[in-house]
């Protein structure tokens, strides 16, 4: 029975793998084909087609302003991700290690932020950013990403810091280290697997986010990658340029695939460590 169950699980995973990977592979090699080749023989790889072309990528990067969208996303996501990791790690360390009255209440207040639906915050968020002169700015969008990411990040990192041995902190205090030195030089390196896990999940959420960017960013030159893809889909109603759209989607997926391919082993390790305490 166990062998049969294991076989069924492996078959299910293999089917799911094919279901996910085959469209990605088709998207990748179709991005090198012209519109005529895509419609004439959509399943033929470009190496077997005389109409293969790399013009889709150059046209997407320059004429369709994908380069601007890509750089905007890099600036917003990198700054928001760094701020989220730093603030969440500091809060998780303080709430899990510093013995102060009411720290559990503070922890639950932070985590309660995950309950609020994003759609309910759009109207007050729009007015708040406009009053602070942060509307239609990459800085405003990055700050919003930080605010929405801290509850989840704190929930994850709290378990990591709580699972680390208290004896290490006591030894650092005995050696004369301050609270900041203990956090920065001792606990933060030890929590690296957790930081990597939280970074990957936050990167995926920020890079693929659409709704908040749609509300906050108005001018086209300040829009992010997902808004750029949406603009191209709308433009396809007037002109058929599917090769450029497919090339843009490949460019949007590349950072995610590269990051996960490099750090995927850390994800499982970090999730296991974070599940020790919560």
Protein backbone atom coordinates (compact mmCIF):
# COMPACT_ATOMS: atom_id res chain seq x y z
CA UNK A 1 0.00 0.00 0.00
CA UNK A 2 2.85 2.39 0.79
CA UNK A 3 4.54 1.69 -2.55
CA UNK A 4 1.26 2.25 -4.37
CA UNK A 5 0.67 5.51 -2.52
CA UNK A 6 4.23 6.65 -3.23
CA UNK A 7 3.79 5.81 -6.91
CA UNK A 8 0.54 7.79 -7.09
CA UNK A 9 2.19 10.76 -5.41
CA UNK A 10 5.14 10.67 -7.84
CA UNK A 11 2.80 10.41 -10.81
CA UNK A 12 0.76 13.35 -9.55
CA UNK A 13 3.88 15.43 -9.04
CA UNK A 14 5.16 14.47 -12.49
CA UNK A 15 1.85 15.46 -14.06
CA UNK A 16 1.89 18.78 -12.21
CA UNK A 17 5.49 19.35 -13.28
CA UNK A 18 4.61 18.87 -16.93
CA UNK A 19 1.51 21.03 -16.55
CA UNK A 20 3.65 23.92 -15.30
CA UNK A 21 6.87 23.45 -17.28
CA UNK A 22 5.50 22.80 -20.78
CA UNK A 23 3.78 26.23 -21.07
CA UNK A 24 6.95 27.94 -19.79
CA UNK A 25 9.10 26.14 -22.36
CA UNK A 26 6.63 27.00 -25.11
CA UNK A 27 6.64 30.63 -23.99
CA UNK A 28 10.44 30.75 -24.00
CA UNK A 29 11.01 29.41 -27.51
CA UNK A 30 7.98 31.16 -29.01
CA UNK A 31 9.41 34.50 -27.90
CA UNK A 32 12.06 34.08 -30.63
CA UNK A 33 9.49 33.58 -33.38
CA UNK A 34 7.75 36.07 -35.59
CA UNK A 35 3.98 36.53 -35.52
CA UNK A 36 3.63 34.61 -38.77
CA UNK A 37 5.63 31.67 -37.40
CA UNK A 38 3.64 31.62 -34.15
CA UNK A 39 0.32 31.30 -35.94
CA UNK A 40 1.56 29.08 -38.78
CA UNK A 41 3.14 26.40 -36.57
CA UNK A 42 2.92 27.34 -32.86
CA UNK A 43 4.55 24.14 -31.54
CA UNK A 44 7.64 24.12 -33.77
CA UNK A 45 10.81 25.25 -31.93
CA UNK A 46 12.53 28.27 -33.52
CA UNK A 47 15.69 26.27 -34.28
CA UNK A 48 13.62 24.31 -36.78
CA UNK A 49 12.08 27.43 -38.27
CA UNK A 50 13.65 29.74 -40.78
CA UNK A 51 11.70 32.66 -39.33
CA UNK A 52 13.36 32.65 -35.90
CA UNK A 53 14.32 36.12 -34.70
CA UNK A 54 15.75 37.94 -31.69
CA UNK A 55 14.18 41.21 -32.75
CA UNK A 56 11.30 40.64 -30.33
CA UNK A 57 13.55 41.30 -27.34
CA UNK A 58 15.18 44.43 -28.74
CA UNK A 59 11.79 45.76 -29.82
CA UNK A 60 10.30 45.01 -26.39
CA UNK A 61 13.19 46.60 -24.50
CA UNK A 62 13.35 49.81 -26.51
CA UNK A 63 10.18 50.54 -28.46
CA UNK A 64 7.73 49.06 -25.93
CA UNK A 65 9.56 50.68 -22.97
CA UNK A 66 10.07 47.35 -21.21
CA UNK A 67 13.55 48.54 -20.19
CA UNK A 68 11.99 51.40 -18.22
CA UNK A 69 9.39 49.11 -16.63
CA UNK A 70 12.06 46.58 -15.73
CA UNK A 71 14.36 49.13 -14.10
CA UNK A 72 11.45 50.65 -12.16
CA UNK A 73 10.56 47.22 -10.79
CA UNK A 74 14.18 46.55 -9.84
CA UNK A 75 14.43 49.85 -7.95
CA UNK A 76 11.13 49.43 -6.11
CA UNK A 77 11.52 45.74 -5.24
CA UNK A 78 15.17 45.93 -4.18
CA UNK A 79 14.66 48.93 -1.88
CA UNK A 80 11.41 47.56 -0.43
CA UNK A 81 12.89 44.10 0.07
CA UNK A 82 15.97 45.41 1.90
CA UNK A 83 13.85 47.60 4.17
CA UNK A 84 11.37 44.80 4.86
CA UNK A 85 14.07 42.31 5.83
CA UNK A 86 15.89 44.77 8.09
CA UNK A 87 12.81 46.07 9.90
CA UNK A 88 11.19 42.63 10.22
CA UNK A 89 14.38 41.05 11.54
CA UNK A 90 14.82 43.80 14.11
CA UNK A 91 11.19 43.50 15.23
CA UNK A 92 11.33 39.70 15.34
CA UNK A 93 14.51 39.75 17.41
CA UNK A 94 13.12 42.29 19.84
CA UNK A 95 9.78 40.54 20.29
CA UNK A 96 11.34 37.09 20.70
CA UNK A 97 14.35 37.98 22.89
CA UNK A 98 13.79 41.22 24.76
CA UNK A 99 11.64 40.62 27.84
CA UNK A 100 9.23 43.57 27.89
CA UNK A 101 5.64 43.69 29.06
CA UNK A 102 3.07 43.45 26.28
CA UNK A 103 5.40 42.03 23.66
CA UNK A 104 2.93 39.28 22.77
CA UNK A 105 0.22 41.89 22.22
CA UNK A 106 2.56 43.86 19.95
CA UNK A 107 3.35 40.66 18.06
CA UNK A 108 -0.34 39.88 17.48
CA UNK A 109 -1.01 43.47 16.40
CA UNK A 110 1.68 43.14 13.74
CA UNK A 111 0.42 39.76 12.56
CA UNK A 112 -3.18 41.04 12.46
CA UNK A 113 -2.12 43.14 9.50
CA UNK A 114 -2.31 39.98 7.37
CA UNK A 115 -6.07 39.82 7.94
CA UNK A 116 -6.88 43.14 6.26
CA UNK A 117 -7.68 42.65 2.54
CA UNK A 118 -5.63 44.80 0.20
CA UNK A 119 -8.71 46.01 -1.69
CA UNK A 120 -10.15 47.63 1.46
CA UNK A 121 -7.05 49.79 1.90
CA UNK A 122 -6.92 51.27 -1.59
CA UNK A 123 -9.08 54.35 -1.01
CA UNK A 124 -7.51 55.48 2.30
CA UNK A 125 -4.07 54.55 1.00
CA UNK A 126 -4.60 56.74 -2.07
CA UNK A 127 -5.60 59.72 0.10
CA UNK A 128 -2.72 59.15 2.53
CA UNK A 129 -0.10 59.05 -0.20
CA UNK A 130 -1.57 62.11 -1.88
CA UNK A 131 -1.45 64.08 1.38
CA UNK A 132 2.19 63.04 1.84
CA UNK A 133 3.09 63.91 -1.78
CA UNK A 134 4.08 60.29 -2.37
CA UNK A 135 1.43 59.48 -4.94
CA UNK A 136 2.75 58.56 -8.38
CA UNK A 137 6.26 57.93 -7.03
CA UNK A 138 8.43 54.83 -6.77
CA UNK A 139 9.28 55.79 -3.19
CA UNK A 140 5.60 55.74 -2.21
CA UNK A 141 5.09 52.34 -3.82
CA UNK A 142 8.19 50.94 -2.08
CA UNK A 143 6.95 52.18 1.31
CA UNK A 144 3.55 50.58 0.69
CA UNK A 145 5.22 47.28 -0.19
CA UNK A 146 7.21 47.45 3.05
CA UNK A 147 4.07 48.10 5.10
CA UNK A 148 2.18 45.21 3.51
CA UNK A 149 5.13 42.79 3.74
CA UNK A 150 6.16 43.30 7.37
CA UNK A 151 3.31 41.25 8.99
CA UNK A 152 4.13 38.09 7.01
CA UNK A 153 7.87 38.62 7.36
CA UNK A 154 7.61 39.13 11.11
CA UNK A 155 5.48 36.01 11.45
CA UNK A 156 8.12 33.96 9.66
CA UNK A 157 11.21 35.46 11.28
CA UNK A 158 9.79 35.34 14.80
CA UNK A 159 9.95 31.55 14.65
CA UNK A 160 13.56 31.62 13.48
CA UNK A 161 14.79 33.93 16.21
CA UNK A 162 12.77 32.10 18.85
CA UNK A 163 14.35 28.78 17.81
CA UNK A 164 17.92 30.04 18.25
CA UNK A 165 19.59 29.11 21.57
CA UNK A 166 19.36 31.71 24.32
CA UNK A 167 22.81 30.67 25.56
CA UNK A 168 24.36 32.39 22.54
CA UNK A 169 22.79 35.71 23.51
CA UNK A 170 23.86 35.31 27.12
CA UNK A 171 27.44 34.60 26.03
CA UNK A 172 27.45 37.71 23.85
CA UNK A 173 26.18 39.83 26.74
CA UNK A 174 28.86 38.40 29.03
CA UNK A 175 31.50 39.35 26.45
CA UNK A 176 30.27 42.93 26.61
CA UNK A 177 28.23 43.08 23.39
CA UNK A 178 25.38 45.55 23.26
CA UNK A 179 21.88 44.56 22.18
CA UNK A 180 22.50 45.93 18.69
CA UNK A 181 25.85 44.12 18.38
CA UNK A 182 24.25 40.88 19.55
CA UNK A 183 21.55 41.22 16.94
CA UNK A 184 23.76 42.35 14.05
CA UNK A 185 26.85 40.17 14.57
CA UNK A 186 25.41 37.06 16.26
CA UNK A 187 21.71 36.43 15.64
CA UNK A 188 21.34 37.91 12.17
CA UNK A 189 24.00 35.60 10.61
CA UNK A 190 22.49 32.62 12.42
CA UNK A 191 19.05 33.44 10.98
CA UNK A 192 20.33 33.56 7.38
CA UNK A 193 18.20 30.59 6.18
CA UNK A 194 15.09 32.32 7.47
CA UNK A 195 16.06 35.61 5.87
CA UNK A 196 16.60 33.90 2.52
CA UNK A 197 13.20 32.20 2.73
CA UNK A 198 11.40 35.42 3.62
CA UNK A 199 13.32 37.29 0.90
CA UNK A 200 12.23 34.85 -1.79
CA UNK A 201 8.55 34.92 -0.82
CA UNK A 202 8.54 38.71 -0.56
CA UNK A 203 10.39 39.08 -3.85
CA UNK A 204 7.80 36.94 -5.62
CA UNK A 205 4.95 38.96 -4.12
CA UNK A 206 6.49 42.36 -4.84
CA UNK A 207 7.71 41.56 -8.35
CA UNK A 208 4.34 40.16 -9.44
CA UNK A 209 2.19 42.74 -7.60
CA UNK A 210 -0.26 44.61 -9.80
CA UNK A 211 -3.16 46.18 -7.88
CA UNK A 212 -1.24 48.54 -5.59
CA UNK A 213 1.05 49.65 -8.43
CA UNK A 214 -2.01 50.33 -10.61
CA UNK A 215 -3.51 52.64 -7.97
CA UNK A 216 -0.31 54.45 -6.92
CA UNK A 217 1.58 54.87 -10.21
CA UNK A 218 -0.08 57.07 -12.81
CA UNK A 219 2.56 58.25 -15.28
CA UNK A 220 3.65 55.58 -17.80
CA UNK A 221 7.37 56.22 -17.30
CA UNK A 222 7.05 55.32 -13.60
CA UNK A 223 5.11 52.10 -14.03
CA UNK A 224 6.46 48.67 -13.10
CA UNK A 225 6.84 45.49 -15.12
CA UNK A 226 3.39 44.08 -14.43
CA UNK A 227 1.71 47.33 -15.45
CA UNK A 228 3.82 47.35 -18.59
CA UNK A 229 2.65 43.86 -19.52
CA UNK A 230 -0.96 44.90 -18.94
CA UNK A 231 -0.46 47.94 -21.18
CA UNK A 232 0.95 45.70 -23.92
CA UNK A 233 -2.04 43.35 -23.68
CA UNK A 234 -4.37 46.31 -24.14
CA UNK A 235 -2.30 47.52 -27.09
CA UNK A 236 -2.69 44.13 -28.76
CA UNK A 237 -6.33 45.00 -29.37
CA UNK A 238 -5.07 47.52 -31.93
CA UNK A 239 -1.97 45.81 -33.31
CA UNK A 240 -0.95 42.16 -33.28
CA UNK A 241 2.59 41.85 -31.95
CA UNK A 242 2.52 38.62 -30.00
CA UNK A 243 6.23 37.97 -30.34
CA UNK A 244 7.07 41.17 -28.47
CA UNK A 245 4.54 40.33 -25.74
CA UNK A 246 5.99 36.85 -25.27
CA UNK A 247 9.50 38.30 -25.09
CA UNK A 248 8.30 40.75 -22.43
CA UNK A 249 6.81 37.93 -20.37
CA UNK A 250 10.09 36.02 -20.55
CA UNK A 251 11.97 39.09 -19.31
CA UNK A 252 9.48 39.39 -16.44
CA UNK A 253 10.01 35.76 -15.43
CA UNK A 254 13.80 35.72 -15.65
CA UNK A 255 14.57 37.41 -12.27
CA UNK A 256 12.20 35.08 -10.45
CA UNK A 257 13.58 31.95 -12.10
CA UNK A 258 17.20 32.99 -11.55
CA UNK A 259 16.65 33.86 -7.89
CA UNK A 260 14.81 30.65 -7.12
CA UNK A 261 17.27 28.46 -9.03
CA UNK A 262 20.12 29.87 -6.93
CA UNK A 263 18.40 29.87 -3.53
CA UNK A 264 15.80 27.08 -3.76
CA UNK A 265 17.68 24.80 -1.34
CA UNK A 266 17.58 27.51 1.32
CA UNK A 267 13.78 27.72 1.12
CA UNK A 268 13.10 24.22 2.47
CA UNK A 269 15.81 24.58 5.09
CA UNK A 270 14.45 27.89 6.25
CA UNK A 271 10.83 26.72 6.43
CA UNK A 272 11.83 23.71 8.55
CA UNK A 273 13.80 25.88 10.97
CA UNK A 274 11.01 28.41 11.23
CA UNK A 275 8.49 25.73 12.13
CA UNK A 276 10.31 24.85 15.36
CA UNK A 277 8.67 27.68 17.34
CA UNK A 278 6.08 30.28 16.51
